[in-house]
Amino acid sequence: MDLNMALMRATFKLDQRQDDGVTTVGTGWLVRLPESDGHLALVTAGHVLDRMKQEQASIHWRRVDADGRWHREPAPIRIRDGVGTPLWHRHVDRDIAAIAIDPPSHVHDWAIAFDQLADDAALEAFDVQPGDEMLALGYPRGLSANEIGFPILRAGRVASYPLWPSADFPTFLMDFAVFAGNSGGPVYMSDRARKRVGARDFHEAQFVAGLLAQQVVLTDERLEIGIVLHAAFIRQCLLGLAAKLGDQPGRSSLA
């Protein structure tokens, strides 16, 4: 499946109403854990889950029925245990979190593969540079594309240089407006005719480049620039989660 459609199906809204009445909203997306016999993780920004202080959050699943009609089906998921300890795994240095999850059976097949997360070699092979267009999915200020709950697609240009190695340049900038609720959404490239370095012909470039972490704000002014964490760190986070789970998945379940 084209990565646009795959991520559109794999991305969901997360929210939780806090004690002060404010609702925290973020974007999460499903990825298959590596070498885990089909187990899944929900990936988002670490600060999204940090701000959710209750034991359960809501995730807005979707279902298509036999007649091809879509339905939104919100459901609770446990993100903390009974004493408030987080159930997610957080990257040691970056604002990335992943929680093992067991979604409804019809959602399971919509998760994207671990190998679709780009490493430095993929960015270099496709010669990703400033000015290249990338796409992002999310829920700006909690807004969905429709009543079914699909995310909103945005586009922007890579706005910084250099992009790799990610160890030296852990983030890159995208020229597009970011709002609360976008945090945690996937940033990706979907180009059907892109040339690899040294190649004579064209190839599809379809990979997740990173995760939208935050917007650039200078003296209280929003600059309409997004900060993206490299997918290399998402890979590290998922590998850490898979190692932690071991033979006992301990997947988050619907409450």
Protein backbone atom coordinates (compact mmCIF):
# COMPACT_ATOMS: atom_id res chain seq x y z
CA MET A 1 0.00 0.00 0.00
CA ASP A 2 1.13 3.55 -0.73
CA LEU A 3 2.67 5.06 2.40
CA ASN A 4 0.18 7.93 2.35
CA MET A 5 -2.70 5.48 2.76
CA ALA A 6 -0.82 3.17 5.09
CA LEU A 7 -0.03 5.95 7.56
CA MET A 8 -3.48 7.49 7.20
CA ARG A 9 -4.91 4.21 8.46
CA ALA A 10 -2.22 3.67 11.10
CA THR A 11 -2.55 7.10 12.76
CA PHE A 12 -5.03 7.85 15.57
CA LYS A 13 -5.98 10.62 17.94
CA LEU A 14 -5.09 10.29 21.61
CA ASP A 15 -6.72 12.41 24.29
CA GLN A 16 -7.31 12.59 28.01
CA ARG A 17 -9.28 15.07 30.10
CA GLN A 18 -7.27 16.35 33.06
CA ASP A 19 -8.50 17.25 36.56
CA ASP A 20 -8.44 20.95 35.68
CA GLY A 21 -10.83 20.36 32.78
CA VAL A 22 -8.21 20.80 30.06
CA THR A 23 -8.02 18.01 27.48
CA THR A 24 -4.55 16.88 26.42
CA VAL A 25 -4.46 15.80 22.76
CA GLY A 26 -1.72 14.12 20.75
CA THR A 27 -1.13 11.95 17.72
CA GLY A 28 -0.13 8.28 17.84
CA TRP A 29 0.59 5.72 15.14
CA LEU A 30 1.00 1.96 15.04
CA VAL A 31 4.28 0.23 14.20
CA ARG A 32 5.15 -3.45 14.24
CA LEU A 33 7.78 -4.27 16.82
CA PRO A 34 10.91 -5.86 15.33
CA GLU A 35 11.36 -9.59 15.82
CA SER A 36 8.31 -9.83 18.06
CA ASP A 37 5.93 -12.18 16.26
CA GLY A 38 3.55 -9.44 15.17
CA HIS A 39 3.30 -7.42 18.39
CA LEU A 40 2.53 -3.73 17.95
CA ALA A 41 3.50 -0.46 19.55
CA LEU A 42 1.82 2.92 19.55
CA VAL A 43 4.40 5.65 18.90
CA THR A 44 3.99 9.28 19.96
CA ALA A 45 5.93 12.16 21.48
CA GLY A 46 7.07 11.53 25.04
CA HIS A 47 5.60 14.79 26.33
CA VAL A 48 2.14 13.80 25.09
CA LEU A 49 1.99 10.86 27.49
CA ASP A 50 3.83 12.75 30.23
CA ARG A 51 0.99 15.28 30.29
CA MET A 52 -1.65 12.57 30.59
CA LYS A 53 -1.76 12.02 34.35
CA GLN A 54 -4.72 9.62 34.53
CA GLU A 55 -4.45 5.84 34.33
CA GLN A 56 -6.43 5.64 31.07
CA ALA A 57 -6.35 7.67 27.88
CA SER A 58 -8.75 7.51 24.96
CA ILE A 59 -7.73 6.38 21.51
CA HIS A 60 -10.07 6.96 18.60
CA TRP A 61 -10.07 3.71 16.65
CA ARG A 62 -11.83 3.42 13.30
CA ARG A 63 -13.65 0.53 11.67
CA VAL A 64 -14.93 -0.08 8.14
CA ASP A 65 -18.00 -2.32 7.92
CA ALA A 66 -19.01 -4.84 5.28
CA ASP A 67 -20.73 -2.09 3.26
CA GLY A 68 -17.55 -0.01 3.16
CA ARG A 69 -18.80 2.57 5.66
CA TRP A 70 -16.38 3.92 8.25
CA HIS A 71 -17.13 4.27 11.97
CA ARG A 72 -15.21 6.00 14.76
CA GLU A 73 -14.92 3.89 17.89
CA PRO A 74 -13.19 5.61 20.84
CA ALA A 75 -11.90 3.24 23.49
CA PRO A 76 -9.84 3.53 26.69
CA ILE A 77 -6.28 2.26 26.89
CA ARG A 78 -4.15 1.95 30.02
CA ILE A 79 -1.07 4.15 29.94
CA ARG A 80 -0.21 4.07 33.68
CA ASP A 81 -0.54 1.46 36.37
CA GLY A 82 -2.59 1.85 39.53
CA VAL A 83 0.03 3.99 41.27
CA GLY A 84 0.67 6.24 38.28
CA THR A 85 3.81 4.61 36.92
CA PRO A 86 4.07 4.97 33.13
CA LEU A 87 3.51 1.81 31.11
CA TRP A 88 5.29 3.20 28.08
CA HIS A 89 8.96 3.02 27.11
CA ARG A 90 10.68 6.35 26.54
CA HIS A 91 13.82 6.98 24.53
CA VAL A 92 16.66 7.70 26.92
CA ASP A 93 17.54 11.07 25.34
CA ARG A 94 14.75 12.06 22.94
CA ASP A 95 11.10 13.09 23.21
CA ILE A 96 9.82 9.77 21.85
CA ALA A 97 7.62 7.20 23.58
CA ALA A 98 6.26 3.83 22.57
CA ILE A 99 3.72 1.69 24.38
CA ALA A 100 2.92 -1.93 23.58
CA ILE A 101 -0.68 -2.22 22.53
CA ASP A 102 -3.18 -4.84 21.44
CA PRO A 103 -5.67 -3.03 19.18
CA PRO A 104 -8.91 -4.46 17.82
CA SER A 105 -8.30 -7.21 15.30
CA HIS A 106 -9.46 -5.13 12.34
CA VAL A 107 -6.89 -2.43 13.22
CA HIS A 108 -3.97 -4.79 13.65
CA ASP A 109 -3.13 -5.08 9.96
CA TRP A 110 -2.91 -1.31 9.55
CA ALA A 111 0.35 -0.98 11.50
CA ILE A 112 3.36 -0.03 9.42
CA ALA A 113 6.50 -2.14 9.32
CA PHE A 114 9.54 -1.34 11.44
CA ASP A 115 11.67 -1.29 8.29
CA GLN A 116 9.71 1.69 6.96
CA LEU A 117 11.42 3.84 9.59
CA ALA A 118 14.35 5.49 7.82
CA ASP A 119 17.88 5.32 9.19
CA ASP A 120 20.73 7.61 8.18
CA ALA A 121 21.63 5.34 5.27
CA ALA A 122 18.16 5.77 3.73
CA LEU A 123 18.30 9.56 3.98
CA GLU A 124 21.73 9.56 2.40
CA ALA A 125 20.79 7.10 -0.35
CA PHE A 126 17.86 9.28 -1.42
CA ASP A 127 19.95 12.43 -0.93
CA VAL A 128 17.34 14.17 1.22
CA GLN A 129 18.16 17.87 1.23
CA PRO A 130 16.69 21.27 2.15
CA GLY A 131 13.70 22.09 -0.05
CA ASP A 132 12.52 18.49 -0.33
CA GLU A 133 8.83 18.06 0.44
CA MET A 134 7.76 15.94 3.37
CA LEU A 135 4.31 15.15 4.71
CA ALA A 136 2.95 15.01 8.24
CA LEU A 137 -0.20 13.62 9.84
CA GLY A 138 -1.81 14.91 13.00
CA TYR A 139 -4.72 16.46 14.87
CA PRO A 140 -4.09 20.23 15.15
CA ARG A 141 -5.84 21.45 18.31
CA GLY A 142 -7.62 18.08 18.36
CA LEU A 143 -9.26 18.61 14.99
CA SER A 144 -9.86 15.54 12.82
CA ALA A 145 -10.29 15.53 9.05
CA ASN A 146 -13.87 14.29 9.48
CA GLU A 147 -16.26 12.76 11.99
CA ILE A 148 -14.66 9.35 11.43
CA GLY A 149 -11.47 10.55 13.07
CA PHE A 150 -8.90 10.41 10.29
CA PRO A 151 -5.85 12.66 10.76
CA ILE A 152 -5.19 15.82 8.76
CA LEU A 153 -2.42 15.71 6.18
CA ARG A 154 0.00 18.63 6.01
CA ALA A 155 2.95 19.26 3.71
CA GLY A 156 6.14 21.26 4.21
CA ARG A 157 9.70 21.65 3.00
CA VAL A 158 12.80 20.48 4.78
CA ALA A 159 14.11 23.74 6.19
CA SER A 160 17.50 22.94 7.73
CA TYR A 161 20.88 21.48 6.87
CA PRO A 162 22.65 19.13 7.34
CA LEU A 163 20.27 16.25 8.04
CA TRP A 164 22.72 13.51 8.97
CA PRO A 165 24.34 11.88 10.80
CA SER A 166 21.45 11.88 13.25
CA ALA A 167 23.86 11.42 16.17
CA ASP A 168 25.21 14.91 15.41
CA PHE A 169 21.96 16.43 14.12
CA PRO A 170 19.14 14.71 16.05
CA THR A 171 16.44 17.02 14.66
CA PHE A 172 15.66 18.82 11.43
CA LEU A 173 13.24 21.63 10.67
CA MET A 174 10.14 21.65 8.47
CA ASP A 175 8.55 24.77 7.06
CA PHE A 176 4.94 24.41 8.16
CA ALA A 177 2.66 25.51 10.96
CA VAL A 178 2.45 23.25 14.01
CA PHE A 179 -0.32 23.27 16.62
CA ALA A 180 -1.06 21.50 19.87
CA GLY A 181 -2.33 18.04 18.94
CA ASN A 182 0.17 17.57 16.12
CA SER A 183 2.80 16.34 18.56
CA GLY A 184 3.85 12.76 17.97
CA GLY A 185 2.64 12.54 14.38
CA PRO A 186 4.68 10.82 11.67
CA VAL A 187 6.72 12.89 9.21
CA TYR A 188 7.44 11.04 6.00
CA MET A 189 8.43 11.14 2.33
CA SER A 190 6.23 9.65 -0.38
CA ASP A 191 7.85 10.27 -3.75
CA ARG A 192 7.17 7.86 -6.61
CA ALA A 193 9.99 9.12 -8.84
CA ARG A 194 13.12 9.89 -6.88
CA LYS A 195 16.66 9.06 -7.87
CA ARG A 196 18.99 7.29 -5.52
CA VAL A 197 22.54 8.57 -5.34
CA GLY A 198 24.54 6.96 -8.16
CA ALA A 199 21.51 5.28 -9.73
CA ARG A 200 20.50 5.63 -13.37
CA ASP A 201 16.80 5.05 -12.91
CA PHE A 202 14.15 6.29 -10.51
CA HIS A 203 12.80 4.55 -7.43
CA GLU A 204 9.94 5.09 -5.04
CA ALA A 205 11.02 6.89 -1.88
CA GLN A 206 8.50 5.90 0.75
CA PHE A 207 9.77 6.04 4.32
CA VAL A 208 9.06 7.64 7.67
CA ALA A 209 11.70 10.28 8.27
CA GLY A 210 10.78 11.16 11.83
CA LEU A 211 8.29 12.28 14.44
CA LEU A 212 6.95 15.79 14.93
CA ALA A 213 8.10 16.88 18.37
CA GLN A 214 7.27 20.57 18.70
CA GLN A 215 7.10 23.97 17.04
CA VAL A 216 9.67 26.73 17.08
CA VAL A 217 8.64 29.63 19.34
CA LEU A 218 10.74 32.77 19.71
CA THR A 219 9.79 35.31 22.37
CA ASP A 220 6.20 34.01 22.40
CA GLU A 221 5.92 34.21 18.62
CA ARG A 222 5.14 31.07 16.60
CA LEU A 223 7.43 30.92 13.59
CA GLU A 224 5.46 28.24 11.70
CA ILE A 225 8.43 25.89 11.82
CA GLY A 226 8.21 22.30 13.05
CA ILE A 227 10.97 20.39 14.83
CA VAL A 228 11.25 16.76 13.70
CA LEU A 229 13.09 14.02 15.56
CA HIS A 230 14.82 11.54 13.27
CA ALA A 231 13.27 8.10 12.75
CA ALA A 232 16.60 6.58 13.80
CA PHE A 233 15.60 7.41 17.38
CA ILE A 234 12.15 5.89 16.91
CA ARG A 235 13.91 2.70 15.82
CA GLN A 236 16.05 2.81 18.98
CA CYS A 237 12.99 3.38 21.16
CA LEU A 238 11.12 0.44 19.62
CA LEU A 239 14.14 -1.83 19.95
CA GLY A 240 14.33 -0.85 23.60
CA LEU A 241 10.65 -1.61 24.10
CA ALA A 242 10.98 -4.97 22.36
CA ALA A 243 13.96 -5.85 24.57
CA LYS A 244 12.05 -4.82 27.69
CA LEU A 245 9.05 -6.94 26.76
CA GLY A 246 11.13 -10.01 25.99
CA ASP A 247 9.08 -13.18 26.01
CA GLN A 248 6.30 -11.53 28.01
CA PRO A 249 4.77 -8.85 25.77
CA GLY A 250 2.69 -7.25 28.53
CA ARG A 251 0.79 -5.34 25.89
CA SER A 252 -1.51 -2.50 26.81
CA SER A 253 -5.11 -3.66 26.58
CA LEU A 254 -8.46 -2.04 26.17
CA ALA A 255 -9.90 -1.28 29.56
